[in-house]
C-alpha atoms as a PDB file:
ATOM      1  CA  MET A   1       0.089   0.064  -0.227  1.00  0.00           C
ATOM      2  CA  ASN A   2       1.541   2.943  -1.195  1.00  0.00           C
ATOM      3  CA  ARG A   3      -0.447   5.797   0.562  1.00  0.00           C
ATOM      4  CA  ARG A   4       0.608   8.909   2.106  1.00  0.00           C
ATOM      5  CA  GLU A   5      -1.672   9.120   5.046  1.00  0.00           C
ATOM      6  CA  ALA A   6      -4.183   6.664   7.113  1.00  0.00           C
ATOM      7  CA  ILE A   7      -7.617   8.892   8.068  1.00  0.00           C
ATOM      8  CA  VAL A   8      -8.685   6.932  11.359  1.00  0.00           C
ATOM      9  CA  VAL A   9     -12.142   6.936  12.661  1.00  0.00           C
ATOM     10  CA  LEU A  10     -13.039   5.630  15.899  1.00  0.00           C
ATOM     11  CA  GLY A  11     -15.951   3.904  17.151  1.00  0.00           C
ATOM     12  CA  SER A  12     -18.332   5.553  20.005  1.00  0.00           C
ATOM     13  CA  GLN A  13     -20.927   3.607  21.846  1.00  0.00           C
ATOM     14  CA  PRO A  14     -24.031   3.864  19.820  1.00  0.00           C
ATOM     15  CA  ASP A  15     -27.158   4.300  22.155  1.00  0.00           C
ATOM     16  CA  PRO A  16     -28.911   1.261  22.679  1.00  0.00           C
ATOM     17  CA  GLY A  17     -32.479   2.933  21.810  1.00  0.00           C
ATOM     18  CA  THR A  18     -31.573   3.426  18.247  1.00  0.00           C
ATOM     19  CA  TRP A  19     -28.328   1.982  17.661  1.00  0.00           C
ATOM     20  CA  ARG A  20     -27.260   5.540  16.106  1.00  0.00           C
ATOM     21  CA  PHE A  21     -23.891   6.822  17.187  1.00  0.00           C
ATOM     22  CA  PRO A  22     -23.806  10.201  18.740  1.00  0.00           C
ATOM     23  CA  ARG A  23     -23.603  13.025  16.613  1.00  0.00           C
ATOM     24  CA  HIS A  24     -20.016  13.740  16.679  1.00  0.00           C
ATOM     25  CA  VAL A  25     -19.144  10.322  15.255  1.00  0.00           C
ATOM     26  CA  TYR A  26     -21.435  11.284  12.466  1.00  0.00           C
ATOM     27  CA  ASP A  27     -19.936  14.930  11.589  1.00  0.00           C
ATOM     28  CA  ALA A  28     -16.441  12.574  11.928  1.00  0.00           C
ATOM     29  CA  LEU A  29     -17.111  10.537   8.858  1.00  0.00           C
ATOM     30  CA  ASP A  30     -18.102  13.450   7.467  1.00  0.00           C
ATOM     31  CA  LEU A  31     -15.067  15.480   8.112  1.00  0.00           C
ATOM     32  CA  ALA A  32     -13.023  11.875   6.550  1.00  0.00           C
ATOM     33  CA  ALA A  33     -15.025  11.842   3.465  1.00  0.00           C
ATOM     34  CA  GLN A  34     -14.348  14.861   2.642  1.00  0.00           C
ATOM     35  CA  ARG A  35     -10.678  14.504   3.194  1.00  0.00           C
ATOM     36  CA  TYR A  36     -10.630  11.360   1.527  1.00  0.00           C
ATOM     37  CA  ALA A  37     -12.893  13.076  -1.714  1.00  0.00           C
ATOM     38  CA  GLN A  38     -10.297  15.730  -1.588  1.00  0.00           C
ATOM     39  CA  ALA A  39      -6.941  13.082  -1.755  1.00  0.00           C
ATOM     40  CA  SER A  40      -5.248  12.844  -5.154  1.00  0.00           C
ATOM     41  CA  ILE A  41      -3.708   9.622  -3.751  1.00  0.00           C
ATOM     42  CA  LYS A  42      -6.445   8.262  -1.793  1.00  0.00           C
ATOM     43  CA  PRO A  43      -5.837   7.255   1.649  1.00  0.00           C
ATOM     44  CA  VAL A  44      -6.241   4.197   3.388  1.00  0.00           C
ATOM     45  CA  VAL A  45      -9.317   5.028   5.972  1.00  0.00           C
ATOM     46  CA  ILE A  46      -9.486   2.548   9.010  1.00  0.00           C
ATOM     47  CA  THR A  47     -12.884   2.082  11.161  1.00  0.00           C
ATOM     48  CA  SER A  48     -12.137   0.923  14.413  1.00  0.00           C
ATOM     49  CA  GLY A  49     -14.306  -1.012  17.035  1.00  0.00           C
ATOM     50  CA  ASP A  50     -15.722  -3.858  18.130  1.00  0.00           C
ATOM     51  CA  GLN A  51     -18.255  -2.802  20.812  1.00  0.00           C
ATOM     52  CA  SER A  52     -17.834  -0.761  24.127  1.00  0.00           C
ATOM     53  CA  LEU A  53     -16.627  -2.300  26.694  1.00  0.00           C
ATOM     54  CA  SER A  54     -20.171  -1.471  28.937  1.00  0.00           C
ATOM     55  CA  PHE A  55     -21.745  -3.469  25.996  1.00  0.00           C
ATOM     56  CA  ALA A  56     -19.306  -6.760  25.852  1.00  0.00           C
ATOM     57  CA  ARG A  57     -19.815  -6.834  29.703  1.00  0.00           C
ATOM     58  CA  GLY A  58     -23.280  -7.832  28.325  1.00  0.00           C
ATOM     59  CA  GLU A  59     -25.267  -4.789  29.244  1.00  0.00           C
ATOM     60  CA  ALA A  60     -26.809  -4.916  25.993  1.00  0.00           C
ATOM     61  CA  ALA A  61     -26.583  -6.941  22.850  1.00  0.00           C
ATOM     62  CA  GLN A  62     -24.504  -4.711  19.944  1.00  0.00           C
ATOM     63  CA  PRO A  63     -26.397  -5.907  16.583  1.00  0.00           C
ATOM     64  CA  PHE A  64     -23.303  -5.146  14.883  1.00  0.00           C
ATOM     65  CA  ARG A  65     -19.811  -4.324  15.220  1.00  0.00           C
ATOM     66  CA  GLU A  66     -18.395  -0.213  15.232  1.00  0.00           C
ATOM     67  CA  CYS A  67     -16.465  -0.780  12.513  1.00  0.00           C
ATOM     68  CA  ASP A  68     -18.699  -2.251  10.105  1.00  0.00           C
ATOM     69  CA  ARG A  69     -21.188   0.417  10.925  1.00  0.00           C
ATOM     70  CA  LEU A  70     -18.546   3.127  10.211  1.00  0.00           C
ATOM     71  CA  ALA A  71     -17.308   1.714   7.188  1.00  0.00           C
ATOM     72  CA  ASP A  72     -20.934   0.993   5.382  1.00  0.00           C
ATOM     73  CA  ASP A  73     -21.427   4.621   6.578  1.00  0.00           C
ATOM     74  CA  LEU A  74     -18.232   6.176   4.610  1.00  0.00           C
ATOM     75  CA  VAL A  75     -19.099   3.975   1.474  1.00  0.00           C
ATOM     76  CA  THR A  76     -22.069   6.142   1.715  1.00  0.00           C
ATOM     77  CA  ARG A  77     -20.371   9.125   1.661  1.00  0.00           C
ATOM     78  CA  GLY A  78     -18.183   8.168  -1.704  1.00  0.00           C
ATOM     79  CA  VAL A  79     -15.365   6.559  -0.216  1.00  0.00           C
ATOM     80  CA  SER A  80     -14.477   3.044  -1.952  1.00  0.00           C
ATOM     81  CA  GLY A  81     -14.954   0.157  -0.198  1.00  0.00           C
ATOM     82  CA  ALA A  82     -11.145  -1.027  -1.548  1.00  0.00           C
ATOM     83  CA  ASP A  83      -9.755   1.604   0.746  1.00  0.00           C
ATOM     84  CA  ILE A  84     -11.144   0.529   3.914  1.00  0.00           C
ATOM     85  CA  LEU A  85      -9.715  -1.253   6.632  1.00  0.00           C
ATOM     86  CA  ARG A  86     -12.016  -2.412   9.396  1.00  0.00           C
ATOM     87  CA  GLU A  87      -9.970  -2.830  12.784  1.00  0.00           C
ATOM     88  CA  GLY A  88     -12.960  -5.281  14.583  1.00  0.00           C
ATOM     89  CA  GLU A  89     -10.904  -6.195  18.144  1.00  0.00           C
ATOM     90  CA  SER A  90     -10.647  -2.788  20.229  1.00  0.00           C
ATOM     91  CA  ARG A  91     -13.573  -1.973  22.820  1.00  0.00           C
ATOM     92  CA  ASP A  92     -11.913   1.240  24.379  1.00  0.00           C
ATOM     93  CA  VAL A  93      -9.529   4.290  22.490  1.00  0.00           C
ATOM     94  CA  ILE A  94      -6.369   2.162  24.383  1.00  0.00           C
ATOM     95  CA  SER A  95      -7.310  -0.752  22.427  1.00  0.00           C
ATOM     96  CA  ASN A  96      -8.421   1.099  19.051  1.00  0.00           C
ATOM     97  CA  LEU A  97      -5.146   2.476  18.606  1.00  0.00           C
ATOM     98  CA  TYR A  98      -2.865  -0.341  19.818  1.00  0.00           C
ATOM     99  CA  TYR A  99      -5.219  -2.485  17.236  1.00  0.00           C
ATOM    100  CA  VAL A 100      -4.801  -0.062  14.697  1.00  0.00           C
ATOM    101  CA  LYS A 101      -0.882   0.419  14.903  1.00  0.00           C
ATOM    102  CA  ARG A 102      -1.179  -3.308  14.293  1.00  0.00           C
ATOM    103  CA  LYS A 103      -3.163  -2.715  11.357  1.00  0.00           C
ATOM    104  CA  LEU A 104      -1.256  -0.178   9.586  1.00  0.00           C
ATOM    105  CA  ALA A 105       2.161  -2.355  10.678  1.00  0.00           C
ATOM    106  CA  GLN A 106       0.430  -5.586   8.951  1.00  0.00           C
ATOM    107  CA  TYR A 107      -0.212  -3.370   5.691  1.00  0.00           C
ATOM    108  CA  GLY A 108       2.678  -1.506   5.299  1.00  0.00           C
ATOM    109  CA  ALA A 109       0.368   1.851   5.397  1.00  0.00           C
ATOM    110  CA  PRO A 110       1.893   5.512   5.828  1.00  0.00           C
ATOM    111  CA  GLN A 111       2.500   6.656   9.383  1.00  0.00           C
ATOM    112  CA  GLN A 112       0.864  10.003   9.034  1.00  0.00           C
ATOM    113  CA  ILE A 113      -2.462   9.407  10.877  1.00  0.00           C
ATOM    114  CA  VAL A 114      -5.320  12.040  10.121  1.00  0.00           C
ATOM    115  CA  LEU A 115      -7.611  11.364  13.179  1.00  0.00           C
ATOM    116  CA  PRO A 116     -11.045  13.507  12.902  1.00  0.00           C
ATOM    117  CA  LEU A 117     -13.489  13.643  15.800  1.00  0.00           C
ATOM    118  CA  GLY A 118     -15.652  15.272  18.773  1.00  0.00           C
ATOM    119  CA  ASP A 119     -13.139  18.227  19.911  1.00  0.00           C
ATOM    120  CA  TRP A 120     -13.981  17.182  23.353  1.00  0.00           C
ATOM    121  CA  ARG A 121     -12.220  13.768  23.105  1.00  0.00           C
ATOM    122  CA  ILE A 122      -8.971  15.212  21.273  1.00  0.00           C
ATOM    123  CA  PRO A 123      -6.508  15.925  24.720  1.00  0.00           C
ATOM    124  CA  ARG A 124      -7.446  12.341  25.921  1.00  0.00           C
ATOM    125  CA  ILE A 125      -7.424  10.549  22.825  1.00  0.00           C
ATOM    126  CA  ALA A 126      -4.190  12.736  22.301  1.00  0.00           C
ATOM    127  CA  MET A 127      -2.490  11.622  25.231  1.00  0.00           C
ATOM    128  CA  VAL A 128      -3.272   8.122  24.305  1.00  0.00           C
ATOM    129  CA  ALA A 129      -1.979   8.058  20.978  1.00  0.00           C
ATOM    130  CA  GLU A 130       1.149   9.490  22.069  1.00  0.00           C
ATOM    131  CA  LYS A 131       1.897   6.877  24.472  1.00  0.00           C
ATOM    132  CA  VAL A 132       0.425   3.986  22.123  1.00  0.00           C
ATOM    133  CA  LEU A 133       1.696   4.746  19.101  1.00  0.00           C
ATOM    134  CA  GLY A 134       4.677   6.219  20.104  1.00  0.00           C
ATOM    135  CA  ALA A 135       7.327   8.252  17.935  1.00  0.00           C
ATOM    136  CA  ASP A 136       6.861   6.515  14.823  1.00  0.00           C
ATOM    137  CA  PHE A 137       3.322   7.936  13.632  1.00  0.00           C
ATOM    138  CA  MET A 138       2.908  11.787  12.975  1.00  0.00           C
ATOM    139  CA  VAL A 139      -1.373  12.313  14.185  1.00  0.00           C
ATOM    140  CA  THR A 140      -3.283  14.914  13.072  1.00  0.00           C
ATOM    141  CA  TYR A 141      -6.486  15.647  14.793  1.00  0.00           C
ATOM    142  CA  LEU A 142      -9.256  17.540  12.888  1.00  0.00           C
ATOM    143  CA  GLY A 143     -11.928  18.763  15.977  1.00  0.00           C
ATOM    144  CA  VAL A 144     -15.758  18.800  14.786  1.00  0.00           C
ATOM    145  CA  PRO A 145     -17.040  20.787  17.244  1.00  0.00           C
ATOM    146  CA  SER A 146     -19.449  18.933  19.494  1.00  0.00           C
ATOM    147  CA  ASP A 147     -20.828  18.949  22.750  1.00  0.00           C
ATOM    148  CA  SER A 148     -19.165  16.653  25.656  1.00  0.00           C
ATOM    149  CA  PRO A 149     -21.843  14.427  27.017  1.00  0.00           C
ATOM    150  CA  ASP A 150     -20.509  14.717  30.143  1.00  0.00           C
ATOM    151  CA  PRO A 151     -17.473  16.740  30.901  1.00  0.00           C
ATOM    152  CA  ALA A 152     -16.464  14.832  34.472  1.00  0.00           C
ATOM    153  CA  GLN A 153     -16.647  11.595  32.898  1.00  0.00           C
ATOM    154  CA  GLU A 154     -14.411  12.608  30.506  1.00  0.00           C
ATOM    155  CA  HIS A 155     -12.142  13.766  32.875  1.00  0.00           C
ATOM    156  CA  LEU A 156     -12.367  10.378  35.056  1.00  0.00           C
ATOM    157  CA  LYS A 157     -12.042   8.501  31.674  1.00  0.00           C
ATOM    158  CA  SER A 158      -8.735  10.543  30.826  1.00  0.00           C
ATOM    159  CA  ASP A 159      -7.297  10.526  34.490  1.00  0.00           C
ATOM    160  CA  MET A 160      -7.632   6.596  35.003  1.00  0.00           C
ATOM    161  CA  GLN A 161      -6.402   5.644  31.226  1.00  0.00           C
ATOM    162  CA  GLY A 162      -3.239   8.309  31.778  1.00  0.00           C
ATOM    163  CA  ARG A 163      -3.072   6.340  35.108  1.00  0.00           C
ATOM    164  CA  PHE A 164      -2.936   2.780  33.467  1.00  0.00           C
ATOM    165  CA  LEU A 165      -0.847   4.229  30.805  1.00  0.00           C
ATOM    166  CA  GLU A 166       2.023   5.641  32.896  1.00  0.00           C
ATOM    167  CA  PRO A 167       4.423   2.877  33.474  1.00  0.00           C
ATOM    168  CA  MET A 168       4.062   1.903  29.838  1.00  0.00           C
ATOM    169  CA  LEU A 169       6.950   3.285  27.887  1.00  0.00           C
ATOM    170  CA  ARG A 170       5.940   5.255  24.732  1.00  0.00           C
ATOM    171  CA  GLY A 171       4.661   3.027  22.035  1.00  0.00           C
ATOM    172  CA  ASP A 172       5.894  -0.492  23.888  1.00  0.00           C
ATOM    173  CA  ASP A 173       3.426  -2.586  22.287  1.00  0.00           C
ATOM    174  CA  ALA A 174       4.800  -5.721  24.257  1.00  0.00           C
ATOM    175  CA  TRP A 175       3.798  -3.958  27.673  1.00  0.00           C
ATOM    176  CA  LEU A 176      -0.114  -3.743  26.054  1.00  0.00           C
ATOM    177  CA  SER A 177      -0.158  -7.163  25.131  1.00  0.00           C
ATOM    178  CA  GLY A 178      -1.856  -9.018  27.202  1.00  0.00           C
ATOM    179  CA  LYS A 179      -3.566  -6.339  29.072  1.00  0.00           C
ATOM    180  CA  PHE A 180      -6.992  -5.623  27.332  1.00  0.00           C
ATOM    181  CA  TYR A 181     -10.217  -6.185  29.420  1.00  0.00           C
ATOM    182  CA  ASP A 182      -9.077  -7.760  32.598  1.00  0.00           C
ATOM    183  CA  SER A 183      -6.254  -5.620  33.956  1.00  0.00           C
ATOM    184  CA  TRP A 184      -7.467  -3.358  36.759  1.00  0.00           C
ATOM    185  CA  LEU A 185      -8.674  -0.312  34.326  1.00  0.00           C
ATOM    186  CA  TYR A 186     -10.794  -2.300  33.130  1.00  0.00           C
ATOM    187  CA  ARG A 187     -12.343  -4.132  36.597  1.00  0.00           C
ATOM    188  CA  PHE A 188     -12.687  -0.783  37.248  1.00  0.00           C
ATOM    189  CA  TRP A 189     -15.004   0.157  34.624  1.00  0.00           C
ATOM    190  CA  ALA A 190     -16.542  -3.094  35.486  1.00  0.00           C
ATOM    191  CA  GLU A 191     -17.324  -2.267  39.126  1.00  0.00           C
ATOM    192  CA  ARG A 192     -18.398   1.381  38.098  1.00  0.00           C
ATOM    193  CA  GLY A 193     -21.475  -0.220  35.796  1.00  0.00           C
END
């Protein structure tokens, strides 16, 4: 794959009543499709997400993988399905970026990443990306104006994810391997319900 950049679209927990993503996800999809359409050398687009942690614990039976729903939406917006890679193992932003990094390495895709996402998510995701992706990737954040669903919850997520990643050396995949979904961070979220 000879591409200049990879556009990465992260999933976010859909509403179990409608199975629609929050508005900021659709706005991020718009930005991703626009950037793709304007590129002279088409980027690879990676959609990322299986299901949220709470749904994975059985709180609701999500009828789709987030990466599939995002990819389908991008195709309706003019992105070629041949240019989309689906990362369908992740359940939170740490695993999103871990598995995206592995997917990029597997396909020899570019080290320039563009992340369109809700502007309130940028500080936390940038902190996680710095640790998980390390120095091998350059990330550009394209913020879409949106309201944070709960600023206190976003602050808690950022604090807990920062504490979890603190002992990790920047970009150290070996440190993360085997830590998903049963380490103290995931037990913390499970206890909070």
